[in-house]
Amino acid sequence: MHEPSVFDKARNELFSQIRHCGVLQATEDQREAWFSQTMEYMAKRYPQVTQEQLAELHAAGLRYCEPVIPHGSAGREEHGDSS
């Protein structure tokens, strides 16, 4: 059986924390603060993960927090639907 890499473990932990801590409902400022603190924690918890990989994790985490389809009136306006 394939053992996950340290990077895979760090990514899985980051996504798990995103799901469980409420950052998905946070404001943009709160989200930025959360990511800053969390990435510091991840760097300490997984010292084998390089700075480049941490940047990749950060970017993946931010993408994970964005809705695939815009929600609310702003999303409808973007797509030309003002109903």
N, C-alpha and C. Protein backbone atom coordinates (compact mmCIF):
# COMPACT_ATOMS: atom_id res chain seq x y z
N MET A 1 0.84 -1.18 0.00
CA MET A 1 0.00 0.00 0.00
C MET A 1 0.89 1.24 0.00
N HIS A 2 0.46 2.26 -0.74
CA HIS A 2 1.22 3.50 -0.89
C HIS A 2 1.09 4.38 0.36
N GLU A 3 2.22 4.76 0.93
CA GLU A 3 2.25 5.66 2.08
C GLU A 3 2.20 7.10 1.56
N PRO A 4 1.26 7.93 2.06
CA PRO A 4 1.20 9.32 1.60
C PRO A 4 2.48 10.08 1.94
N SER A 5 2.86 10.98 1.06
CA SER A 5 4.05 11.81 1.30
C SER A 5 3.74 12.81 2.41
N VAL A 6 4.79 13.44 2.93
CA VAL A 6 4.61 14.46 3.96
C VAL A 6 3.76 15.60 3.40
N PHE A 7 4.00 15.97 2.14
CA PHE A 7 3.21 17.02 1.50
C PHE A 7 1.73 16.62 1.44
N ASP A 8 1.45 15.38 1.08
CA ASP A 8 0.07 14.89 1.02
C ASP A 8 -0.59 14.98 2.40
N LYS A 9 0.14 14.59 3.43
CA LYS A 9 -0.40 14.65 4.79
C LYS A 9 -0.69 16.10 5.19
N ALA A 10 0.24 17.00 4.86
CA ALA A 10 0.04 18.42 5.18
C ALA A 10 -1.18 18.98 4.44
N ARG A 11 -1.31 18.64 3.17
CA ARG A 11 -2.46 19.11 2.37
C ARG A 11 -3.76 18.58 2.96
N ASN A 12 -3.79 17.30 3.29
CA ASN A 12 -5.00 16.71 3.86
C ASN A 12 -5.37 17.36 5.19
N GLU A 13 -4.36 17.63 6.01
CA GLU A 13 -4.62 18.28 7.29
C GLU A 13 -5.14 19.70 7.08
N LEU A 14 -4.56 20.44 6.14
CA LEU A 14 -5.02 21.80 5.86
C LEU A 14 -6.48 21.79 5.42
N PHE A 15 -6.84 20.92 4.49
CA PHE A 15 -8.22 20.86 4.02
C PHE A 15 -9.17 20.46 5.15
N SER A 16 -8.74 19.55 5.99
CA SER A 16 -9.56 19.14 7.13
C SER A 16 -9.78 20.32 8.08
N GLN A 17 -8.73 21.08 8.35
CA GLN A 17 -8.87 22.24 9.23
C GLN A 17 -9.79 23.29 8.61
N ILE A 18 -9.69 23.49 7.31
CA ILE A 18 -10.57 24.45 6.63
C ILE A 18 -12.03 24.05 6.82
N ARG A 19 -12.32 22.77 6.65
CA ARG A 19 -13.70 22.29 6.78
C ARG A 19 -14.23 22.41 8.20
N HIS A 20 -13.36 22.19 9.19
CA HIS A 20 -13.83 22.11 10.57
C HIS A 20 -13.76 23.40 11.37
N CYS A 21 -13.02 24.40 10.91
CA CYS A 21 -12.81 25.58 11.76
C CYS A 21 -13.71 26.75 11.45
N GLY A 22 -14.50 26.70 10.40
CA GLY A 22 -15.41 27.79 10.08
C GLY A 22 -14.84 28.86 9.18
N VAL A 23 -13.64 28.66 8.67
CA VAL A 23 -13.02 29.68 7.81
C VAL A 23 -13.81 29.87 6.51
N LEU A 24 -14.58 28.90 6.10
CA LEU A 24 -15.38 29.03 4.88
C LEU A 24 -16.42 30.14 5.01
N GLN A 25 -16.89 30.40 6.23
CA GLN A 25 -17.88 31.44 6.46
C GLN A 25 -17.25 32.75 6.93
N ALA A 26 -15.95 32.82 7.02
CA ALA A 26 -15.25 34.00 7.54
C ALA A 26 -15.20 35.12 6.52
N THR A 27 -14.99 36.34 7.03
CA THR A 27 -14.78 37.47 6.13
C THR A 27 -13.40 37.33 5.49
N GLU A 28 -13.15 38.12 4.48
CA GLU A 28 -11.85 38.04 3.80
C GLU A 28 -10.70 38.36 4.76
N ASP A 29 -10.87 39.38 5.61
CA ASP A 29 -9.83 39.74 6.58
C ASP A 29 -9.59 38.61 7.58
N GLN A 30 -10.67 38.01 8.07
CA GLN A 30 -10.54 36.90 9.00
C GLN A 30 -9.85 35.71 8.33
N ARG A 31 -10.21 35.48 7.08
CA ARG A 31 -9.62 34.36 6.33
C ARG A 31 -8.12 34.57 6.15
N GLU A 32 -7.71 35.80 5.80
CA GLU A 32 -6.29 36.10 5.63
C GLU A 32 -5.52 35.87 6.93
N ALA A 33 -6.08 36.33 8.05
CA ALA A 33 -5.43 36.13 9.35
C ALA A 33 -5.35 34.64 9.68
N TRP A 34 -6.43 33.91 9.42
CA TRP A 34 -6.44 32.48 9.70
C TRP A 34 -5.38 31.76 8.88
N PHE A 35 -5.30 32.09 7.58
CA PHE A 35 -4.31 31.43 6.72
C PHE A 35 -2.89 31.76 7.16
N SER A 36 -2.65 32.99 7.54
CA SER A 36 -1.31 33.38 7.99
C SER A 36 -0.89 32.54 9.20
N GLN A 37 -1.77 32.45 10.19
CA GLN A 37 -1.48 31.67 11.39
C GLN A 37 -1.36 30.18 11.08
N THR A 38 -2.25 29.69 10.25
CA THR A 38 -2.27 28.26 9.94
C THR A 38 -1.04 27.85 9.14
N MET A 39 -0.60 28.68 8.21
CA MET A 39 0.58 28.33 7.43
C MET A 39 1.84 28.34 8.30
N GLU A 40 1.90 29.24 9.29
CA GLU A 40 3.01 29.20 10.25
C GLU A 40 2.99 27.88 11.02
N TYR A 41 1.81 27.49 11.47
CA TYR A 41 1.65 26.22 12.18
C TYR A 41 2.07 25.04 11.30
N MET A 42 1.62 25.05 10.03
CA MET A 42 1.95 23.94 9.12
C MET A 42 3.46 23.86 8.90
N ALA A 43 4.13 24.99 8.79
CA ALA A 43 5.58 25.00 8.58
C ALA A 43 6.29 24.37 9.78
N LYS A 44 5.79 24.61 10.98
CA LYS A 44 6.40 24.02 12.18
C LYS A 44 6.05 22.53 12.30
N ARG A 45 4.82 22.20 11.99
CA ARG A 45 4.36 20.80 12.12
C ARG A 45 5.00 19.90 11.07
N TYR A 46 5.23 20.44 9.89
CA TYR A 46 5.81 19.66 8.79
C TYR A 46 7.09 20.33 8.29
N PRO A 47 8.18 20.25 9.06
CA PRO A 47 9.42 20.94 8.67
C PRO A 47 10.03 20.41 7.37
N GLN A 48 9.64 19.22 6.94
CA GLN A 48 10.17 18.66 5.70
C GLN A 48 9.55 19.32 4.46
N VAL A 49 8.42 19.99 4.64
CA VAL A 49 7.75 20.66 3.52
C VAL A 49 8.51 21.95 3.21
N THR A 50 8.87 22.13 1.95
CA THR A 50 9.66 23.29 1.53
C THR A 50 8.79 24.56 1.49
N GLN A 51 9.45 25.71 1.42
CA GLN A 51 8.72 26.98 1.31
C GLN A 51 7.87 27.01 0.03
N GLU A 52 8.41 26.45 -1.04
CA GLU A 52 7.65 26.38 -2.29
C GLU A 52 6.39 25.54 -2.11
N GLN A 53 6.53 24.41 -1.42
CA GLN A 53 5.37 23.55 -1.18
C GLN A 53 4.36 24.23 -0.25
N LEU A 54 4.86 24.99 0.74
CA LEU A 54 3.96 25.73 1.62
C LEU A 54 3.16 26.76 0.83
N ALA A 55 3.83 27.43 -0.12
CA ALA A 55 3.13 28.39 -0.97
C ALA A 55 2.07 27.68 -1.81
N GLU A 56 2.40 26.49 -2.28
CA GLU A 56 1.44 25.69 -3.05
C GLU A 56 0.24 25.30 -2.17
N LEU A 57 0.52 24.90 -0.93
CA LEU A 57 -0.56 24.57 0.00
C LEU A 57 -1.45 25.78 0.26
N HIS A 58 -0.83 26.93 0.47
CA HIS A 58 -1.58 28.16 0.72
C HIS A 58 -2.50 28.47 -0.45
N ALA A 59 -1.97 28.40 -1.66
CA ALA A 59 -2.78 28.68 -2.86
C ALA A 59 -3.92 27.67 -2.99
N ALA A 60 -3.63 26.40 -2.74
CA ALA A 60 -4.67 25.37 -2.84
C ALA A 60 -5.75 25.60 -1.78
N GLY A 61 -5.33 25.99 -0.59
CA GLY A 61 -6.29 26.28 0.47
C GLY A 61 -7.20 27.44 0.13
N LEU A 62 -6.63 28.49 -0.45
CA LEU A 62 -7.44 29.64 -0.86
C LEU A 62 -8.45 29.24 -1.93
N ARG A 63 -7.99 28.44 -2.90
CA ARG A 63 -8.91 27.96 -3.95
C ARG A 63 -10.02 27.11 -3.35
N TYR A 64 -9.67 26.29 -2.37
CA TYR A 64 -10.64 25.42 -1.71
C TYR A 64 -11.75 26.24 -1.04
N CYS A 65 -11.41 27.44 -0.57
CA CYS A 65 -12.38 28.29 0.13
C CYS A 65 -13.30 29.06 -0.81
N GLU A 66 -12.96 29.13 -2.08
CA GLU A 66 -13.77 29.88 -3.04
C GLU A 66 -14.87 29.00 -3.60
N PRO A 67 -16.10 29.54 -3.69
CA PRO A 67 -17.18 28.75 -4.29
C PRO A 67 -16.93 28.53 -5.78
N VAL A 68 -17.31 27.37 -6.27
CA VAL A 68 -17.15 27.06 -7.69
C VAL A 68 -18.07 27.95 -8.51
N ILE A 69 -19.28 28.13 -8.02
CA ILE A 69 -20.26 28.99 -8.67
C ILE A 69 -20.54 30.16 -7.73
N PRO A 70 -20.41 31.41 -8.20
CA PRO A 70 -20.67 32.55 -7.32
C PRO A 70 -22.08 32.49 -6.75
N HIS A 71 -22.21 32.87 -5.49
CA HIS A 71 -23.50 32.83 -4.80
C HIS A 71 -24.02 34.25 -4.60
N GLY A 72 -25.31 34.38 -4.41
CA GLY A 72 -25.92 35.65 -4.06
C GLY A 72 -26.10 36.57 -5.24
N SER A 73 -26.52 37.80 -4.94
CA SER A 73 -26.82 38.76 -6.00
C SER A 73 -25.59 39.13 -6.81
N ALA A 74 -24.43 39.19 -6.19
CA ALA A 74 -23.21 39.52 -6.93
C ALA A 74 -22.94 38.49 -8.01
N GLY A 75 -23.17 37.23 -7.73
CA GLY A 75 -22.96 36.17 -8.71
C GLY A 75 -23.93 36.27 -9.87
N ARG A 76 -25.18 36.61 -9.59
CA ARG A 76 -26.18 36.75 -10.66
C ARG A 76 -25.85 37.94 -11.55
N GLU A 77 -25.42 39.06 -10.93
CA GLU A 77 -25.08 40.26 -11.70
C GLU A 77 -23.90 40.01 -12.62
N GLU A 78 -22.91 39.25 -12.14
CA GLU A 78 -21.74 38.93 -12.95
C GLU A 78 -22.14 38.20 -14.22
N HIS A 79 -23.18 37.40 -14.14
CA HIS A 79 -23.60 36.58 -15.26
C HIS A 79 -24.78 37.20 -16.02
N GLY A 80 -25.06 38.50 -15.77
CA GLY A 80 -26.09 39.20 -16.52
C GLY A 80 -27.51 38.88 -16.11
N ASP A 81 -27.71 38.30 -14.93
CA ASP A 81 -29.04 37.95 -14.45
C ASP A 81 -29.37 38.87 -13.28
N SER A 82 -30.23 39.83 -13.49
CA SER A 82 -30.56 40.78 -12.42
C SER A 82 -31.89 40.46 -11.75
N SER A 83 -32.44 39.28 -11.96
CA SER A 83 -33.74 38.93 -11.38
C SER A 83 -33.69 38.67 -9.92
